[in-house]
Amino acid sequence: MNSFWQRLNKPFTVLAPMANVTDWAFRQAVIEAGASAGLSVDRPDVFFTEFISADGICAIGREKFKSELYFTENERPIVAQFFGANPEHMFKCAQLAQELGFDGIDINMGCPDKSVEKQGGGAALMKNHELAARVIKETIRGAEKLPVSVKTRLGYIKVDHDWFRHLLDTDIVALIIHGRTRKEMSKVPARWDEIGEIVELARGSGKLIIGNGDVKNMEDVYEKAKKYNLDGIMVGRGIFQNPWFFSDREIDDPKERINLLLKHLDNFEKLWGPNKNFNVMKRFIKIYINGWPGAKDLRSKLMTTKNKNQAVDFISKGGVV
C-alpha cells in the first residue's frame, strides 16, 4: 500500500495521541508555535487525534464524539486513533474514519489505563494475541484504502518479542513502540536499546518502525532515529516541556507565550463550548505561563478561573499582552 506513511521524508516526526491533550485546540496551538518561527511551518510530520473509544462511538453514536474527531486541512496527514477489543466495533470505526476523511487509522494496543484494560483494549491486547489479530484484521477491512498502524509497548510484564513477531505478521503499515512495558508504566526511563532490537526483528518486513519515549528535543529526535535505525520518532510529553518543540526553539518572551495560550483558549472554546470542563485547560497553563518575573503570580490566578473570559481578564490585568 502506497500510503502517506511511505511518502514521508525520514526520519519523520509524529505528535503522540494523548487523552485530554491532543484535540484540535492543542494541535492548532502546536501549528501556531511552528508558524511563529518564520515563513515555513515547523510542525510534526504526522498528527494523531486523542485516543477514542470504539465501544463508546458504537454505543452512544458518532455525534457525541464529533469534537474528538474534528480536524482541519492544515493538520494533514492526520491519523484517528481508536481503542477497543470488539473487532466489529473497530470495523465500524475504521469505516467512520474513512468517511470523515482521515489519512490513517491507529489501533491503541499499549494504553495501561485500568478502565481501558477492563474493556479488553489497550495494553490488555498484548495478552490476547488471537483477539489482537482479529481486531487488526477487522480494522483493516473497515479502513479499505486507509493505512492502519498499531501503537504498543515493549510487552506487558517484560519485553515480549513474540508479541512483535505476531504484529509484524499482520498487514499493518507502521508500528509505533513505546519503550516501556505495561508494568513499568512511566516509572523508568524509556528503553531505546530494546526498541533497537525490535527494529532488527522487523528487518525485511516492510513495516515502518517508529520509536517513542522521553525524547527531549529535535537534536534528540535525529540522534535516536540514526542510532536505532528508526523511520520516525513519536513525541509525547516533550511537547509539555516546550510547545515550540518542533521548531527547536526555547521561548522565554512573555508576550509570545501568553499569546499562544490565548489562541489555545480560543480554540478550546470553539471546539468544546460548554461541553468540556474548563479545568482540562489548566494543565496547559503551567506550560505557557512560566519563565519570567511575575509568571508564578499570574499562573496562580489563572488556576482559579472557571472559563475563558475569566482567564482572559486576568491576563489583561497582568499588563503583559
C-alpha atoms as a PDB file:
ATOM      1  CA  MET A   1       0.000   0.000   0.000  1.00  0.00           C
ATOM      2  CA  ASN A   2       1.440   3.344  -1.074  1.00  0.00           C
ATOM      3  CA  SER A   3       0.097   5.446   1.790  1.00  0.00           C
ATOM      4  CA  PHE A   4       1.121   8.814   3.187  1.00  0.00           C
ATOM      5  CA  TRP A   5       3.467   6.962   5.580  1.00  0.00           C
ATOM      6  CA  GLN A   6       5.684   5.850   2.681  1.00  0.00           C
ATOM      7  CA  ARG A   7       5.814   9.356   1.239  1.00  0.00           C
ATOM      8  CA  LEU A   8       7.252  10.957   4.373  1.00  0.00           C
ATOM      9  CA  ASN A   9      10.875  12.037   4.448  1.00  0.00           C
ATOM     10  CA  LYS A  10      12.829  10.091   7.051  1.00  0.00           C
ATOM     11  CA  PRO A  11      13.210  10.421   9.908  1.00  0.00           C
ATOM     12  CA  PHE A  12       9.724  11.861  10.306  1.00  0.00           C
ATOM     13  CA  THR A  13       8.090  13.133  13.483  1.00  0.00           C
ATOM     14  CA  VAL A  14       4.705  12.273  14.976  1.00  0.00           C
ATOM     15  CA  LEU A  15       2.806  14.011  17.772  1.00  0.00           C
ATOM     16  CA  ALA A  16       1.602  11.303  20.154  1.00  0.00           C
ATOM     17  CA  PRO A  17      -2.075  10.784  20.933  1.00  0.00           C
ATOM     18  CA  MET A  18      -2.744  11.917  24.498  1.00  0.00           C
ATOM     19  CA  ALA A  19      -6.111  11.898  26.274  1.00  0.00           C
ATOM     20  CA  ASN A  20      -7.444  15.372  27.061  1.00  0.00           C
ATOM     21  CA  VAL A  21      -4.407  16.879  25.357  1.00  0.00           C
ATOM     22  CA  THR A  22      -4.109  16.380  21.610  1.00  0.00           C
ATOM     23  CA  ASP A  23      -7.509  17.624  20.494  1.00  0.00           C
ATOM     24  CA  TRP A  24      -7.907  20.090  17.607  1.00  0.00           C
ATOM     25  CA  ALA A  25      -7.432  23.027  20.002  1.00  0.00           C
ATOM     26  CA  PHE A  26      -3.971  21.903  21.078  1.00  0.00           C
ATOM     27  CA  ARG A  27      -2.907  20.647  17.648  1.00  0.00           C
ATOM     28  CA  GLN A  28      -3.638  24.127  16.275  1.00  0.00           C
ATOM     29  CA  ALA A  29      -1.539  25.654  19.054  1.00  0.00           C
ATOM     30  CA  VAL A  30       1.349  23.387  18.021  1.00  0.00           C
ATOM     31  CA  ILE A  31       0.957  24.519  14.403  1.00  0.00           C
ATOM     32  CA  GLU A  32       0.833  28.146  15.525  1.00  0.00           C
ATOM     33  CA  ALA A  33       4.018  27.694  17.563  1.00  0.00           C
ATOM     34  CA  GLY A  34       5.778  26.368  14.483  1.00  0.00           C
ATOM     35  CA  ALA A  35       4.420  29.089  12.206  1.00  0.00           C
ATOM     36  CA  SER A  36       5.744  31.803  14.500  1.00  0.00           C
ATOM     37  CA  ALA A  37       9.269  30.630  13.766  1.00  0.00           C
ATOM     38  CA  GLY A  38       9.181  32.148  10.276  1.00  0.00           C
ATOM     39  CA  LEU A  39       7.671  31.672   6.827  1.00  0.00           C
ATOM     40  CA  SER A  40       7.796  27.872   6.971  1.00  0.00           C
ATOM     41  CA  VAL A  41       5.769  25.897   9.488  1.00  0.00           C
ATOM     42  CA  ASP A  42       7.836  23.691  11.780  1.00  0.00           C
ATOM     43  CA  ARG A  43       5.349  21.085  12.911  1.00  0.00           C
ATOM     44  CA  PRO A  44       5.157  17.334  13.368  1.00  0.00           C
ATOM     45  CA  ASP A  45       5.019  15.466  10.071  1.00  0.00           C
ATOM     46  CA  VAL A  46       2.013  13.486  11.343  1.00  0.00           C
ATOM     47  CA  PHE A  47      -0.742  14.389  13.798  1.00  0.00           C
ATOM     48  CA  PHE A  48      -2.820  11.916  15.808  1.00  0.00           C
ATOM     49  CA  THR A  49      -6.178  12.523  17.459  1.00  0.00           C
ATOM     50  CA  GLU A  50      -6.699  11.770  21.116  1.00  0.00           C
ATOM     51  CA  PHE A  51      -7.340   8.068  21.633  1.00  0.00           C
ATOM     52  CA  ILE A  52     -11.059   7.415  21.149  1.00  0.00           C
ATOM     53  CA  SER A  53     -13.237   4.565  22.394  1.00  0.00           C
ATOM     54  CA  ALA A  54     -14.610   2.416  19.577  1.00  0.00           C
ATOM     55  CA  ASP A  55     -17.121   0.924  22.016  1.00  0.00           C
ATOM     56  CA  GLY A  56     -18.223   4.420  23.010  1.00  0.00           C
ATOM     57  CA  ILE A  57     -18.826   5.504  19.421  1.00  0.00           C
ATOM     58  CA  CYS A  58     -20.822   2.366  18.684  1.00  0.00           C
ATOM     59  CA  ALA A  59     -22.833   2.635  21.924  1.00  0.00           C
ATOM     60  CA  ILE A  60     -23.791   6.313  22.010  1.00  0.00           C
ATOM     61  CA  GLY A  61     -23.163   7.473  18.458  1.00  0.00           C
ATOM     62  CA  ARG A  62     -20.623   9.453  16.467  1.00  0.00           C
ATOM     63  CA  GLU A  63     -22.326  12.788  17.209  1.00  0.00           C
ATOM     64  CA  LYS A  64     -21.191  12.578  20.831  1.00  0.00           C
ATOM     65  CA  PHE A  65     -17.586  12.278  19.614  1.00  0.00           C
ATOM     66  CA  LYS A  66     -17.644  14.997  16.963  1.00  0.00           C
ATOM     67  CA  SER A  67     -15.203  17.201  18.877  1.00  0.00           C
ATOM     68  CA  GLU A  68     -12.731  14.340  19.418  1.00  0.00           C
ATOM     69  CA  LEU A  69     -12.921  13.524  15.703  1.00  0.00           C
ATOM     70  CA  TYR A  70     -12.760  17.124  14.458  1.00  0.00           C
ATOM     71  CA  PHE A  71      -9.780  18.208  12.362  1.00  0.00           C
ATOM     72  CA  THR A  72      -8.936  20.775   9.688  1.00  0.00           C
ATOM     73  CA  GLU A  73      -6.968  20.571   6.463  1.00  0.00           C
ATOM     74  CA  ASN A  74      -3.827  22.198   7.872  1.00  0.00           C
ATOM     75  CA  GLU A  75      -3.302  19.135  10.084  1.00  0.00           C
ATOM     76  CA  ARG A  76      -2.819  16.605   7.296  1.00  0.00           C
ATOM     77  CA  PRO A  77      -1.696  13.919   7.406  1.00  0.00           C
ATOM     78  CA  ILE A  78      -3.799  13.107  10.441  1.00  0.00           C
ATOM     79  CA  VAL A  79      -4.488   9.697  11.955  1.00  0.00           C
ATOM     80  CA  ALA A  80      -7.530   8.709  14.019  1.00  0.00           C
ATOM     81  CA  GLN A  81      -6.572   6.520  16.964  1.00  0.00           C
ATOM     82  CA  PHE A  82      -9.147   4.115  18.378  1.00  0.00           C
ATOM     83  CA  PHE A  83      -9.024   1.683  21.264  1.00  0.00           C
ATOM     84  CA  GLY A  84     -11.211  -1.332  21.857  1.00  0.00           C
ATOM     85  CA  ALA A  85     -11.330  -5.110  21.850  1.00  0.00           C
ATOM     86  CA  ASN A  86     -14.507  -5.636  19.832  1.00  0.00           C
ATOM     87  CA  PRO A  87     -13.491  -6.375  16.211  1.00  0.00           C
ATOM     88  CA  GLU A  88     -16.918  -5.383  14.867  1.00  0.00           C
ATOM     89  CA  HIS A  89     -16.766  -2.017  16.624  1.00  0.00           C
ATOM     90  CA  MET A  90     -13.260  -1.412  15.295  1.00  0.00           C
ATOM     91  CA  PHE A  91     -14.510  -2.252  11.797  1.00  0.00           C
ATOM     92  CA  LYS A  92     -17.290   0.331  12.105  1.00  0.00           C
ATOM     93  CA  CYS A  93     -14.928   2.990  13.460  1.00  0.00           C
ATOM     94  CA  ALA A  94     -12.484   2.357  10.633  1.00  0.00           C
ATOM     95  CA  GLN A  95     -15.346   2.937   8.200  1.00  0.00           C
ATOM     96  CA  LEU A  96     -16.193   6.142  10.048  1.00  0.00           C
ATOM     97  CA  ALA A  97     -12.593   7.367   9.867  1.00  0.00           C
ATOM     98  CA  GLN A  98     -12.623   6.778   6.134  1.00  0.00           C
ATOM     99  CA  GLU A  99     -15.935   8.599   5.755  1.00  0.00           C
ATOM    100  CA  LEU A 100     -14.641  11.587   7.749  1.00  0.00           C
ATOM    101  CA  GLY A 101     -11.546  11.873   5.558  1.00  0.00           C
ATOM    102  CA  PHE A 102      -8.762  10.844   7.913  1.00  0.00           C
ATOM    103  CA  ASP A 103      -5.451   9.861   6.351  1.00  0.00           C
ATOM    104  CA  GLY A 104      -4.895   6.783   8.502  1.00  0.00           C
ATOM    105  CA  ILE A 105      -6.072   4.750  11.479  1.00  0.00           C
ATOM    106  CA  ASP A 106      -4.077   3.655  14.503  1.00  0.00           C
ATOM    107  CA  ILE A 107      -5.042   0.955  16.995  1.00  0.00           C
ATOM    108  CA  ASN A 108      -4.041   1.604  20.597  1.00  0.00           C
ATOM    109  CA  MET A 109      -2.575  -1.612  21.990  1.00  0.00           C
ATOM    110  CA  GLY A 110      -0.482  -0.079  24.751  1.00  0.00           C
ATOM    111  CA  CYS A 111      -2.610   2.147  26.991  1.00  0.00           C
ATOM    112  CA  PRO A 112      -2.204   0.991  30.636  1.00  0.00           C
ATOM    113  CA  ASP A 113      -5.317   2.754  31.915  1.00  0.00           C
ATOM    114  CA  LYS A 114      -7.309   0.295  34.048  1.00  0.00           C
ATOM    115  CA  SER A 115     -10.672   1.333  32.628  1.00  0.00           C
ATOM    116  CA  VAL A 116      -9.373   0.705  29.100  1.00  0.00           C
ATOM    117  CA  GLU A 117      -7.882  -2.655  30.043  1.00  0.00           C
ATOM    118  CA  LYS A 118     -11.083  -3.682  31.798  1.00  0.00           C
ATOM    119  CA  GLN A 119     -12.755  -3.485  28.387  1.00  0.00           C
ATOM    120  CA  GLY A 120     -10.033  -5.730  26.947  1.00  0.00           C
ATOM    121  CA  GLY A 121      -8.450  -2.872  25.000  1.00  0.00           C
ATOM    122  CA  GLY A 122      -5.163  -1.016  25.130  1.00  0.00           C
ATOM    123  CA  ALA A 123      -2.337  -2.932  26.809  1.00  0.00           C
ATOM    124  CA  ALA A 124      -4.662  -5.858  27.597  1.00  0.00           C
ATOM    125  CA  LEU A 125      -4.495  -6.922  23.941  1.00  0.00           C
ATOM    126  CA  MET A 126      -0.828  -7.809  24.446  1.00  0.00           C
ATOM    127  CA  LYS A 127      -2.071 -10.758  26.498  1.00  0.00           C
ATOM    128  CA  ASN A 128      -4.510 -11.953  23.831  1.00  0.00           C
ATOM    129  CA  HIS A 129      -2.708 -12.350  20.511  1.00  0.00           C
ATOM    130  CA  GLU A 130      -5.627 -14.056  18.792  1.00  0.00           C
ATOM    131  CA  LEU A 131      -8.058 -11.273  19.664  1.00  0.00           C
ATOM    132  CA  ALA A 132      -5.472  -8.638  18.715  1.00  0.00           C
ATOM    133  CA  ALA A 133      -5.166 -10.285  15.283  1.00  0.00           C
ATOM    134  CA  ARG A 134      -8.928 -10.150  14.773  1.00  0.00           C
ATOM    135  CA  VAL A 135      -9.059  -6.513  15.872  1.00  0.00           C
ATOM    136  CA  ILE A 136      -6.339  -5.638  13.353  1.00  0.00           C
ATOM    137  CA  LYS A 137      -7.955  -7.667  10.560  1.00  0.00           C
ATOM    138  CA  GLU A 138     -11.367  -6.063  11.025  1.00  0.00           C
ATOM    139  CA  THR A 139      -9.893  -2.575  11.339  1.00  0.00           C
ATOM    140  CA  ILE A 140      -8.042  -3.067   8.057  1.00  0.00           C
ATOM    141  CA  ARG A 141     -11.209  -4.408   6.418  1.00  0.00           C
ATOM    142  CA  GLY A 142     -13.159  -1.334   7.533  1.00  0.00           C
ATOM    143  CA  ALA A 143     -10.352   1.024   6.585  1.00  0.00           C
ATOM    144  CA  GLU A 144     -10.214  -0.226   2.984  1.00  0.00           C
ATOM    145  CA  LYS A 145      -7.608   2.089   1.384  1.00  0.00           C
ATOM    146  CA  LEU A 146      -6.558   3.831   4.592  1.00  0.00           C
ATOM    147  CA  PRO A 147      -3.308   2.583   6.165  1.00  0.00           C
ATOM    148  CA  VAL A 148      -3.586   1.004   9.601  1.00  0.00           C
ATOM    149  CA  SER A 149      -0.873   1.214  12.266  1.00  0.00           C
ATOM    150  CA  VAL A 150      -0.521  -0.057  15.828  1.00  0.00           C
ATOM    151  CA  LYS A 151       0.891   1.735  18.868  1.00  0.00           C
ATOM    152  CA  THR A 152       2.047  -0.581  21.628  1.00  0.00           C
ATOM    153  CA  ARG A 153       4.609  -1.123  24.393  1.00  0.00           C
ATOM    154  CA  LEU A 154       7.621  -3.401  24.744  1.00  0.00           C
ATOM    155  CA  GLY A 155       5.451  -6.027  26.415  1.00  0.00           C
ATOM    156  CA  TYR A 156       3.033  -6.488  29.285  1.00  0.00           C
ATOM    157  CA  ILE A 157       5.209  -7.691  32.164  1.00  0.00           C
ATOM    158  CA  LYS A 158       8.508  -7.985  30.300  1.00  0.00           C
ATOM    159  CA  VAL A 159       9.889  -7.371  26.822  1.00  0.00           C
ATOM    160  CA  ASP A 160       7.931  -9.687  24.546  1.00  0.00           C
ATOM    161  CA  HIS A 161       9.484 -10.383  21.146  1.00  0.00           C
ATOM    162  CA  ASP A 162       6.751 -12.930  20.369  1.00  0.00           C
ATOM    163  CA  TRP A 163       4.245 -10.096  20.571  1.00  0.00           C
ATOM    164  CA  PHE A 164       6.185  -8.137  17.977  1.00  0.00           C
ATOM    165  CA  ARG A 165       6.596 -11.163  15.701  1.00  0.00           C
ATOM    166  CA  HIS A 166       2.843 -11.507  15.870  1.00  0.00           C
ATOM    167  CA  LEU A 167       2.286  -7.848  14.943  1.00  0.00           C
ATOM    168  CA  LEU A 168       4.862  -7.960  12.145  1.00  0.00           C
ATOM    169  CA  ASP A 169       2.955 -10.874  10.654  1.00  0.00           C
ATOM    170  CA  THR A 170      -0.165  -8.726  10.155  1.00  0.00           C
ATOM    171  CA  ASP A 171      -0.924  -6.249   7.367  1.00  0.00           C
ATOM    172  CA  ILE A 172      -0.326  -3.074   9.368  1.00  0.00           C
ATOM    173  CA  VAL A 173       1.767  -0.427   7.641  1.00  0.00           C
ATOM    174  CA  ALA A 174       3.532   1.067  10.657  1.00  0.00           C
ATOM    175  CA  LEU A 175       4.377   0.006  14.194  1.00  0.00           C
ATOM    176  CA  ILE A 176       4.882   2.539  16.973  1.00  0.00           C
ATOM    177  CA  ILE A 177       6.774   1.302  20.011  1.00  0.00           C
ATOM    178  CA  HIS A 178       6.724   2.996  23.387  1.00  0.00           C
ATOM    179  CA  GLY A 179       9.940   1.991  25.114  1.00  0.00           C
ATOM    180  CA  ARG A 180       8.455   0.657  28.358  1.00  0.00           C
ATOM    181  CA  THR A 181       6.372  -2.346  29.363  1.00  0.00           C
ATOM    182  CA  ARG A 182       2.846  -2.081  30.729  1.00  0.00           C
ATOM    183  CA  LYS A 183       4.171  -2.984  34.183  1.00  0.00           C
ATOM    184  CA  GLU A 184       6.762  -0.190  34.072  1.00  0.00           C
ATOM    185  CA  MET A 185       4.165   2.476  33.240  1.00  0.00           C
ATOM    186  CA  SER A 186       6.270   5.684  33.148  1.00  0.00           C
ATOM    187  CA  LYS A 187       8.321   4.867  36.240  1.00  0.00           C
ATOM    188  CA  VAL A 188      11.560   4.035  34.405  1.00  0.00           C
ATOM    189  CA  PRO A 189      13.420   5.688  31.515  1.00  0.00           C
ATOM    190  CA  ALA A 190      12.366   4.554  28.049  1.00  0.00           C
ATOM    191  CA  ARG A 191      14.479   1.596  26.915  1.00  0.00           C
ATOM    192  CA  TRP A 192      15.636   2.587  23.464  1.00  0.00           C
ATOM    193  CA  ASP A 193      18.076  -0.308  23.157  1.00  0.00           C
ATOM    194  CA  GLU A 194      15.082  -2.645  23.324  1.00  0.00           C
ATOM    195  CA  ILE A 195      13.347  -0.630  20.611  1.00  0.00           C
ATOM    196  CA  GLY A 196      16.511  -1.032  18.551  1.00  0.00           C
ATOM    197  CA  GLU A 197      16.326  -4.816  18.939  1.00  0.00           C
ATOM    198  CA  ILE A 198      12.765  -4.809  17.611  1.00  0.00           C
ATOM    199  CA  VAL A 199      13.942  -2.777  14.603  1.00  0.00           C
ATOM    200  CA  GLU A 200      16.301  -5.663  13.827  1.00  0.00           C
ATOM    201  CA  LEU A 201      13.463  -8.117  14.348  1.00  0.00           C
ATOM    202  CA  ALA A 202      11.390  -6.150  11.825  1.00  0.00           C
ATOM    203  CA  ARG A 203      14.107  -6.021   9.177  1.00  0.00           C
ATOM    204  CA  GLY A 204      12.695  -7.147   5.838  1.00  0.00           C
ATOM    205  CA  SER A 205       9.060  -6.951   6.979  1.00  0.00           C
ATOM    206  CA  GLY A 206       8.358  -3.740   5.090  1.00  0.00           C
ATOM    207  CA  LYS A 207       6.836  -2.196   8.207  1.00  0.00           C
ATOM    208  CA  LEU A 208       7.786   1.324   9.238  1.00  0.00           C
ATOM    209  CA  ILE A 209       9.066   1.389  12.822  1.00  0.00           C
ATOM    210  CA  ILE A 210       8.571   4.466  14.998  1.00  0.00           C
ATOM    211  CA  GLY A 211      10.125   4.922  18.443  1.00  0.00           C
ATOM    212  CA  ASN A 212       8.546   6.756  21.365  1.00  0.00           C
ATOM    213  CA  GLY A 213       9.618   7.705  24.894  1.00  0.00           C
ATOM    214  CA  ASP A 214      11.470  10.533  26.682  1.00  0.00           C
ATOM    215  CA  VAL A 215      12.517  12.436  23.551  1.00  0.00           C
ATOM    216  CA  LYS A 216      13.960  15.752  24.724  1.00  0.00           C
ATOM    217  CA  ASN A 217      14.323  17.950  21.624  1.00  0.00           C
ATOM    218  CA  MET A 218      14.819  17.820  17.849  1.00  0.00           C
ATOM    219  CA  GLU A 219      18.505  17.017  18.231  1.00  0.00           C
ATOM    220  CA  ASP A 220      17.461  14.006  20.289  1.00  0.00           C
ATOM    221  CA  VAL A 221      14.958  13.058  17.566  1.00  0.00           C
ATOM    222  CA  TYR A 222      17.670  12.860  14.911  1.00  0.00           C
ATOM    223  CA  GLU A 223      20.173  11.140  17.198  1.00  0.00           C
ATOM    224  CA  LYS A 224      17.754   8.396  18.233  1.00  0.00           C
ATOM    225  CA  ALA A 225      16.465   7.848  14.705  1.00  0.00           C
ATOM    226  CA  LYS A 226      20.014   7.421  13.419  1.00  0.00           C
ATOM    227  CA  LYS A 227      21.324   5.328  16.314  1.00  0.00           C
ATOM    228  CA  TYR A 228      18.426   2.851  16.284  1.00  0.00           C
ATOM    229  CA  ASN A 229      17.754   2.920  12.531  1.00  0.00           C
ATOM    230  CA  LEU A 230      14.185   4.141  13.001  1.00  0.00           C
ATOM    231  CA  ASP A 231      11.889   5.510  10.311  1.00  0.00           C
ATOM    232  CA  GLY A 232      10.321   8.031  12.646  1.00  0.00           C
ATOM    233  CA  ILE A 233      10.066   9.338  16.188  1.00  0.00           C
ATOM    234  CA  MET A 234       6.873   9.993  18.135  1.00  0.00           C
ATOM    235  CA  VAL A 235       6.935  12.855  20.629  1.00  0.00           C
ATOM    236  CA  GLY A 236       4.661  12.789  23.678  1.00  0.00           C
ATOM    237  CA  ARG A 237       5.431  14.525  26.947  1.00  0.00           C
ATOM    238  CA  GLY A 238       8.263  16.512  25.368  1.00  0.00           C
ATOM    239  CA  ILE A 239       5.638  18.847  23.939  1.00  0.00           C
ATOM    240  CA  PHE A 240       4.574  19.627  27.525  1.00  0.00           C
ATOM    241  CA  GLN A 241       8.055  20.842  28.295  1.00  0.00           C
ATOM    242  CA  ASN A 242       8.113  23.028  25.194  1.00  0.00           C
ATOM    243  CA  PRO A 243       5.177  23.767  22.832  1.00  0.00           C
ATOM    244  CA  TRP A 244       7.801  25.046  20.364  1.00  0.00           C
ATOM    245  CA  PHE A 245       9.426  21.586  20.342  1.00  0.00           C
ATOM    246  CA  PHE A 246       9.144  21.034  16.587  1.00  0.00           C
ATOM    247  CA  SER A 247      10.656  24.412  15.693  1.00  0.00           C
ATOM    248  CA  ASP A 248      13.527  23.534  18.056  1.00  0.00           C
ATOM    249  CA  ARG A 249      13.230  26.810  19.939  1.00  0.00           C
ATOM    250  CA  GLU A 250      13.013  27.717  23.613  1.00  0.00           C
ATOM    251  CA  ILE A 251      10.755  30.745  24.016  1.00  0.00           C
ATOM    252  CA  ASP A 252      11.117  32.940  27.099  1.00  0.00           C
ATOM    253  CA  ASP A 253       9.314  36.022  25.736  1.00  0.00           C
ATOM    254  CA  PRO A 254       6.221  36.505  27.967  1.00  0.00           C
ATOM    255  CA  LYS A 255       4.153  38.036  25.145  1.00  0.00           C
ATOM    256  CA  GLU A 256       4.768  35.143  22.790  1.00  0.00           C
ATOM    257  CA  ARG A 257       3.997  32.576  25.458  1.00  0.00           C
ATOM    258  CA  ILE A 258       0.828  34.354  26.581  1.00  0.00           C
ATOM    259  CA  ASN A 259      -0.360  34.906  23.015  1.00  0.00           C
ATOM    260  CA  LEU A 260      -0.088  31.174  22.344  1.00  0.00           C
ATOM    261  CA  LEU A 261      -2.141  30.470  25.483  1.00  0.00           C
ATOM    262  CA  LEU A 262      -4.790  32.974  24.334  1.00  0.00           C
ATOM    263  CA  LYS A 263      -5.053  31.245  20.969  1.00  0.00           C
ATOM    264  CA  HIS A 264      -5.310  27.871  22.687  1.00  0.00           C
ATOM    265  CA  LEU A 265      -8.066  29.211  24.952  1.00  0.00           C
ATOM    266  CA  ASP A 266      -9.945  30.493  21.916  1.00  0.00           C
ATOM    267  CA  ASN A 267      -9.535  27.154  20.133  1.00  0.00           C
ATOM    268  CA  PHE A 268     -10.752  25.284  23.217  1.00  0.00           C
ATOM    269  CA  GLU A 269     -13.929  27.356  23.426  1.00  0.00           C
ATOM    270  CA  LYS A 270     -14.612  26.986  19.695  1.00  0.00           C
ATOM    271  CA  LEU A 271     -14.172  23.227  19.838  1.00  0.00           C
ATOM    272  CA  TRP A 272     -15.891  22.311  23.088  1.00  0.00           C
ATOM    273  CA  GLY A 273     -18.126  25.231  24.063  1.00  0.00           C
ATOM    274  CA  PRO A 274     -19.807  24.261  27.357  1.00  0.00           C
ATOM    275  CA  ASN A 275     -19.338  20.531  26.711  1.00  0.00           C
ATOM    276  CA  LYS A 276     -15.998  20.114  28.438  1.00  0.00           C
ATOM    277  CA  ASN A 277     -14.888  21.118  31.909  1.00  0.00           C
ATOM    278  CA  PHE A 278     -12.602  24.178  31.724  1.00  0.00           C
ATOM    279  CA  ASN A 279     -10.291  22.529  34.266  1.00  0.00           C
ATOM    280  CA  VAL A 280      -8.904  20.476  31.367  1.00  0.00           C
ATOM    281  CA  MET A 281      -7.267  23.690  30.115  1.00  0.00           C
ATOM    282  CA  LYS A 282      -5.468  24.261  33.402  1.00  0.00           C
ATOM    283  CA  ARG A 283      -2.877  21.564  32.720  1.00  0.00           C
ATOM    284  CA  PHE A 284      -1.663  23.797  29.892  1.00  0.00           C
ATOM    285  CA  ILE A 285      -1.358  26.964  31.977  1.00  0.00           C
ATOM    286  CA  LYS A 286       1.905  25.847  33.586  1.00  0.00           C
ATOM    287  CA  ILE A 287       3.270  25.092  30.095  1.00  0.00           C
ATOM    288  CA  TYR A 288       2.712  28.605  28.812  1.00  0.00           C
ATOM    289  CA  ILE A 289       2.940  30.756  31.945  1.00  0.00           C
ATOM    290  CA  ASN A 290       6.444  30.329  33.315  1.00  0.00           C
ATOM    291  CA  GLY A 291       9.948  31.666  32.946  1.00  0.00           C
ATOM    292  CA  TRP A 292       9.638  35.361  33.770  1.00  0.00           C
ATOM    293  CA  PRO A 293       9.186  37.573  36.869  1.00  0.00           C
ATOM    294  CA  GLY A 294       5.502  37.636  37.810  1.00  0.00           C
ATOM    295  CA  ALA A 295       4.670  34.451  35.923  1.00  0.00           C
ATOM    296  CA  LYS A 296       4.066  32.481  39.119  1.00  0.00           C
ATOM    297  CA  ASP A 297       1.546  35.017  40.418  1.00  0.00           C
ATOM    298  CA  LEU A 298      -0.305  35.132  37.096  1.00  0.00           C
ATOM    299  CA  ARG A 299      -0.295  31.347  36.907  1.00  0.00           C
ATOM    300  CA  SER A 300      -1.771  31.057  40.409  1.00  0.00           C
ATOM    301  CA  LYS A 301      -4.605  33.414  39.475  1.00  0.00           C
ATOM    302  CA  LEU A 302      -5.297  31.591  36.238  1.00  0.00           C
ATOM    303  CA  MET A 303      -5.596  28.316  38.119  1.00  0.00           C
ATOM    304  CA  THR A 304      -8.641  29.761  39.937  1.00  0.00           C
ATOM    305  CA  THR A 305     -10.522  30.693  36.762  1.00  0.00           C
ATOM    306  CA  LYS A 306     -13.639  28.842  35.643  1.00  0.00           C
ATOM    307  CA  ASN A 307     -13.905  29.869  31.981  1.00  0.00           C
ATOM    308  CA  LYS A 308     -12.097  31.535  29.095  1.00  0.00           C
ATOM    309  CA  ASN A 309     -13.439  35.029  29.849  1.00  0.00           C
ATOM    310  CA  GLN A 310     -12.117  34.969  33.396  1.00  0.00           C
ATOM    311  CA  ALA A 311      -8.731  33.763  32.164  1.00  0.00           C
ATOM    312  CA  VAL A 312      -8.507  36.496  29.529  1.00  0.00           C
ATOM    313  CA  ASP A 313      -9.495  39.096  32.117  1.00  0.00           C
ATOM    314  CA  PHE A 314      -6.702  38.019  34.477  1.00  0.00           C
ATOM    315  CA  ILE A 315      -4.194  38.091  31.621  1.00  0.00           C
ATOM    316  CA  SER A 316      -5.282  41.574  30.538  1.00  0.00           C
ATOM    317  CA  LYS A 317      -4.947  42.870  34.088  1.00  0.00           C
ATOM    318  CA  GLY A 318      -1.469  41.401  34.195  1.00  0.00           C
ATOM    319  CA  GLY A 319      -0.463  44.019  31.651  1.00  0.00           C
ATOM    320  CA  VAL A 320       1.740  41.666  29.648  1.00  0.00           C
ATOM    321  CA  VAL A 321      -0.230  41.407  26.412  1.00  0.00           C
END
